[in-house]
Amino acid sequence: MRSISRFPVTLTFRRSTGYRFGSSGIPSPLFAGVELVAIDEVSVRIYSVEKTIADCFKYRNKIGLDIAIEALRTYQNVLRSRTARS
């Protein structure tokens, strides 16, 4: 098969850099925003509001973008009402 182009094609690749979370003191993204709380001597993971909203946007195709936006707006209203009381 003949090449259509008159110029030879050269490919160059850059070496990619990988990052490893959790091994050098950096918290794993999986556990960021998670607290372990003991309830009746049982360890329970409690997720922060910020992590919950981030997960809503991460899984927006599964739960719906309207749910993610509603969660964000509700959180904004809660923050505004807290600052108004102060």
C-alpha atoms as a PDB file:
ATOM      1  CA  MET A   1       0.000   0.000   0.000  1.00  0.00           C
ATOM      2  CA  ARG A   2       1.384   3.416  -0.967  1.00  0.00           C
ATOM      3  CA  SER A   3       1.592   6.375   1.354  1.00  0.00           C
ATOM      4  CA  ILE A   4      -0.563   9.337   0.358  1.00  0.00           C
ATOM      5  CA  SER A   5       1.674  11.888   2.044  1.00  0.00           C
ATOM      6  CA  ARG A   6       4.982  13.027   0.574  1.00  0.00           C
ATOM      7  CA  PHE A   7       6.462  13.551   4.018  1.00  0.00           C
ATOM      8  CA  PRO A   8       7.445  10.687   6.298  1.00  0.00           C
ATOM      9  CA  VAL A   9       5.578  10.493   9.557  1.00  0.00           C
ATOM     10  CA  THR A  10       7.646  10.572  12.716  1.00  0.00           C
ATOM     11  CA  LEU A  11       6.155   9.864  16.090  1.00  0.00           C
ATOM     12  CA  THR A  12       7.660  11.186  19.284  1.00  0.00           C
ATOM     13  CA  PHE A  13       6.576  10.172  22.755  1.00  0.00           C
ATOM     14  CA  ARG A  14       7.050  11.983  26.014  1.00  0.00           C
ATOM     15  CA  ARG A  15       7.675   9.984  29.107  1.00  0.00           C
ATOM     16  CA  SER A  16       4.684  10.257  31.396  1.00  0.00           C
ATOM     17  CA  THR A  17       4.952  10.905  35.091  1.00  0.00           C
ATOM     18  CA  GLY A  18       3.009   8.745  37.507  1.00  0.00           C
ATOM     19  CA  TYR A  19       1.839   9.700  40.949  1.00  0.00           C
ATOM     20  CA  ARG A  20       1.182   7.410  43.858  1.00  0.00           C
ATOM     21  CA  PHE A  21      -1.172   8.610  46.574  1.00  0.00           C
ATOM     22  CA  GLY A  22      -0.960   7.533  50.167  1.00  0.00           C
ATOM     23  CA  SER A  23       2.612   6.269  50.157  1.00  0.00           C
ATOM     24  CA  SER A  24       4.432   9.477  51.042  1.00  0.00           C
ATOM     25  CA  GLY A  25       2.133  11.101  53.557  1.00  0.00           C
ATOM     26  CA  ILE A  26      -0.308  12.376  50.934  1.00  0.00           C
ATOM     27  CA  PRO A  27      -3.824  11.198  51.813  1.00  0.00           C
ATOM     28  CA  SER A  28      -5.506   8.925  49.339  1.00  0.00           C
ATOM     29  CA  PRO A  29      -8.320  10.636  47.395  1.00  0.00           C
ATOM     30  CA  LEU A  30     -10.535   7.744  48.397  1.00  0.00           C
ATOM     31  CA  PHE A  31     -10.226   8.627  52.086  1.00  0.00           C
ATOM     32  CA  ALA A  32     -10.088  12.429  51.837  1.00  0.00           C
ATOM     33  CA  GLY A  33     -13.091  13.881  53.654  1.00  0.00           C
ATOM     34  CA  VAL A  34     -13.810  10.676  55.586  1.00  0.00           C
ATOM     35  CA  GLU A  35     -13.791  10.455  59.380  1.00  0.00           C
ATOM     36  CA  LEU A  36     -13.816   7.245  61.385  1.00  0.00           C
ATOM     37  CA  VAL A  37     -16.209   7.528  64.309  1.00  0.00           C
ATOM     38  CA  ALA A  38     -16.863   4.862  66.939  1.00  0.00           C
ATOM     39  CA  ILE A  39     -20.584   4.285  67.503  1.00  0.00           C
ATOM     40  CA  ASP A  40     -21.337   1.602  70.086  1.00  0.00           C
ATOM     41  CA  GLU A  41     -17.764   0.321  69.715  1.00  0.00           C
ATOM     42  CA  VAL A  42     -18.186  -0.075  65.944  1.00  0.00           C
ATOM     43  CA  SER A  43     -16.055   1.979  63.538  1.00  0.00           C
ATOM     44  CA  VAL A  44     -18.265   3.882  61.101  1.00  0.00           C
ATOM     45  CA  ARG A  45     -17.093   6.065  58.219  1.00  0.00           C
ATOM     46  CA  ILE A  46     -18.720   9.489  58.174  1.00  0.00           C
ATOM     47  CA  TYR A  47     -18.372  11.428  54.923  1.00  0.00           C
ATOM     48  CA  SER A  48     -18.047  15.210  54.932  1.00  0.00           C
ATOM     49  CA  VAL A  49     -20.593  17.351  53.127  1.00  0.00           C
ATOM     50  CA  GLU A  50     -17.944  18.508  50.657  1.00  0.00           C
ATOM     51  CA  LYS A  51     -17.005  14.930  49.753  1.00  0.00           C
ATOM     52  CA  THR A  52     -20.668  14.034  49.303  1.00  0.00           C
ATOM     53  CA  ILE A  53     -21.176  16.934  46.889  1.00  0.00           C
ATOM     54  CA  ALA A  54     -17.997  16.025  45.001  1.00  0.00           C
ATOM     55  CA  ASP A  55     -19.252  12.436  44.716  1.00  0.00           C
ATOM     56  CA  CYS A  56     -22.604  13.720  43.418  1.00  0.00           C
ATOM     57  CA  PHE A  57     -20.780  15.423  40.549  1.00  0.00           C
ATOM     58  CA  LYS A  58     -18.499  12.431  40.042  1.00  0.00           C
ATOM     59  CA  TYR A  59     -21.502  10.122  39.633  1.00  0.00           C
ATOM     60  CA  ARG A  60     -23.751  12.691  37.924  1.00  0.00           C
ATOM     61  CA  ASN A  61     -24.388  10.341  34.989  1.00  0.00           C
ATOM     62  CA  LYS A  62     -25.766   7.712  37.370  1.00  0.00           C
ATOM     63  CA  ILE A  63     -27.763   9.886  39.775  1.00  0.00           C
ATOM     64  CA  GLY A  64     -28.542  12.793  37.464  1.00  0.00           C
ATOM     65  CA  LEU A  65     -27.072  16.226  37.053  1.00  0.00           C
ATOM     66  CA  ASP A  66     -30.169  17.807  38.609  1.00  0.00           C
ATOM     67  CA  ILE A  67     -29.480  15.980  41.897  1.00  0.00           C
ATOM     68  CA  ALA A  68     -25.850  17.170  41.934  1.00  0.00           C
ATOM     69  CA  ILE A  69     -26.838  20.773  41.251  1.00  0.00           C
ATOM     70  CA  GLU A  70     -29.578  20.638  43.879  1.00  0.00           C
ATOM     71  CA  ALA A  71     -27.083  19.318  46.449  1.00  0.00           C
ATOM     72  CA  LEU A  72     -24.669  22.145  45.646  1.00  0.00           C
ATOM     73  CA  ARG A  73     -27.380  24.810  45.856  1.00  0.00           C
ATOM     74  CA  THR A  74     -28.655  23.410  49.148  1.00  0.00           C
ATOM     75  CA  TYR A  75     -25.133  23.489  50.571  1.00  0.00           C
ATOM     76  CA  GLN A  76     -24.681  27.087  49.387  1.00  0.00           C
ATOM     77  CA  ASN A  77     -27.928  28.074  51.121  1.00  0.00           C
ATOM     78  CA  VAL A  78     -26.792  26.382  54.340  1.00  0.00           C
ATOM     79  CA  LEU A  79     -23.489  28.261  54.236  1.00  0.00           C
ATOM     80  CA  ARG A  80     -25.267  31.567  53.600  1.00  0.00           C
ATOM     81  CA  SER A  81     -27.633  31.020  56.509  1.00  0.00           C
ATOM     82  CA  ARG A  82     -24.715  30.166  58.809  1.00  0.00           C
ATOM     83  CA  THR A  83     -22.859  33.344  57.884  1.00  0.00           C
ATOM     84  CA  ALA A  84     -26.040  35.428  58.247  1.00  0.00           C
ATOM     85  CA  ARG A  85     -26.519  34.183  61.834  1.00  0.00           C
ATOM     86  CA  SER A  86     -22.946  35.051  62.812  1.00  0.00           C
END
